Protein backbone atom coordinates (compact mmCIF):
# COMPACT_ATOMS: atom_id res chain seq x y z
CA MET A 1 116.05 159.04 142.22
CA ARG A 2 115.30 155.93 144.23
CA SER A 3 117.11 154.65 147.25
CA GLY A 4 114.86 151.88 148.51
CA ALA A 5 114.39 152.40 152.24
CA ARG A 6 117.33 154.81 152.51
CA PRO A 7 116.57 158.54 152.69
CA VAL A 8 118.15 160.83 150.12
CA LEU A 9 119.98 163.38 152.25
CA PRO A 10 120.53 166.92 150.94
CA SER A 11 124.26 166.45 151.45
CA HIS A 12 124.17 163.39 149.16
CA LEU A 13 122.35 165.34 146.46
CA ASP A 14 124.78 168.27 146.85
CA PHE A 15 127.75 165.93 146.40
CA ILE A 16 126.19 164.24 143.38
CA MET A 17 125.30 167.53 141.69
CA GLU A 18 128.73 169.03 142.41
CA HIS A 19 130.31 166.18 140.45
CA VAL A 20 127.71 166.25 137.67
CA SER A 21 128.20 170.03 137.28
CA ARG A 22 131.82 169.47 136.31
CA ARG A 23 130.57 167.85 133.09
CA VAL A 24 127.44 169.74 132.01
CA GLY A 25 125.42 172.93 132.48
CA ILE A 26 124.08 176.02 130.77
CA GLN A 27 125.93 179.33 130.68
CA VAL A 28 123.99 182.51 131.53
CA GLY A 29 126.32 185.47 131.54
CA GLN A 30 129.22 184.55 133.81
CA HIS A 31 127.22 181.90 135.67
CA THR A 32 126.80 178.20 134.93
CA PHE A 33 123.59 176.48 136.00
CA THR A 34 123.50 172.69 136.12
CA ASP A 35 120.30 171.65 137.85
CA ILE A 36 117.10 172.46 139.68
CA ASP A 37 116.39 170.26 142.70
CA TYR A 38 113.22 169.67 144.69
CA ALA A 39 113.19 166.96 147.36
CA ASP A 40 114.48 163.86 145.53
CA ASP A 41 113.64 165.20 142.04
CA VAL A 42 116.31 166.74 139.83
CA ALA A 43 116.05 168.66 136.55
CA LEU A 44 119.40 168.60 134.76
CA LEU A 45 120.13 171.60 132.53
CA VAL A 46 122.14 171.24 129.32
CA ASP A 47 122.72 173.66 126.48
CA LYS A 48 122.96 171.17 123.63
CA GLU A 49 121.21 167.95 122.78
CA GLU A 50 124.52 166.05 122.63
CA SER A 51 125.00 166.75 126.36
CA ILE A 52 121.82 164.97 127.48
CA ARG A 53 123.38 161.50 127.53
CA THR A 54 126.50 162.83 129.31
CA ALA A 55 124.39 164.53 131.99
CA LEU A 56 122.22 161.48 132.63
CA ALA A 57 125.18 159.09 132.69
CA ALA A 58 127.05 161.38 135.12
CA MET A 59 123.99 161.57 137.39
CA ASP A 60 123.63 157.78 137.35
CA GLU A 61 127.35 157.24 138.02
CA GLU A 62 127.55 159.70 140.92
CA ALA A 63 124.26 158.58 142.50
CA SER A 64 125.37 154.94 142.48
CA LYS A 65 128.23 155.87 144.86
CA PHE A 66 125.54 156.37 147.53
CA GLY A 67 123.55 153.28 146.63
CA LEU A 68 121.02 155.45 144.77
CA ARG A 69 119.72 154.80 141.29
CA VAL A 70 117.96 156.84 138.66
CA SER A 71 114.31 155.89 138.17
CA TRP A 72 114.58 155.47 134.41
CA THR A 73 110.84 154.91 133.93
CA LYS A 74 110.17 158.37 135.41
CA THR A 75 113.09 160.10 133.70
CA LYS A 76 112.10 162.27 130.71
CA ILE A 77 113.71 164.80 128.37
CA GLN A 78 112.12 168.19 127.65
CA ASN A 79 113.24 171.08 125.45
CA LEU A 80 112.57 174.35 127.26
CA GLY A 81 114.04 176.54 124.52
CA SER A 82 113.43 176.95 120.85
CA GLY A 83 113.75 174.06 118.47
CA SER A 84 112.21 170.67 118.11
CA THR A 85 111.56 168.00 120.69
CA PRO A 86 114.77 166.03 121.29
CA LEU A 87 115.09 162.42 120.21
CA PRO A 88 115.02 159.60 122.79
CA VAL A 89 118.40 158.82 124.38
CA THR A 90 119.73 155.52 125.69
CA VAL A 91 121.86 155.48 128.82
CA ASP A 92 123.27 152.18 130.05
CA GLY A 93 120.55 150.25 128.21
CA ASN A 94 117.73 152.51 129.47
CA THR A 95 115.74 154.55 126.94
CA VAL A 96 114.75 158.04 128.07
CA ASP A 97 111.84 159.44 126.10
CA PRO A 98 111.17 163.10 125.30
CA VAL A 99 108.00 164.91 126.44
CA LYS A 100 106.49 168.23 125.43
CA GLU A 101 105.40 169.04 129.00
CA PHE A 102 105.55 167.65 132.52
CA ILE A 103 102.33 167.24 134.45
């Protein structure tokens, strides 16, 4: 996520992810997991391919409330489970391409 000269505060990211988690996530037992965060990087977790666009759009919408924006050129989709590589998705005119691995 980019914010120009403004720092991304943990409280901002917590707020954003709290609102995103109301829309998407993966269920493991009785727990729902929505994301993995490190500094200003976020990995959104979804359990079905149809949820990818919803998750990315929610992230973009909530981040914009703080003047933040998703870095679409750096944003990628990866399947961590079984099955094929997902198809590219378009969110608000931005195409997000799939990758087999992150380096």
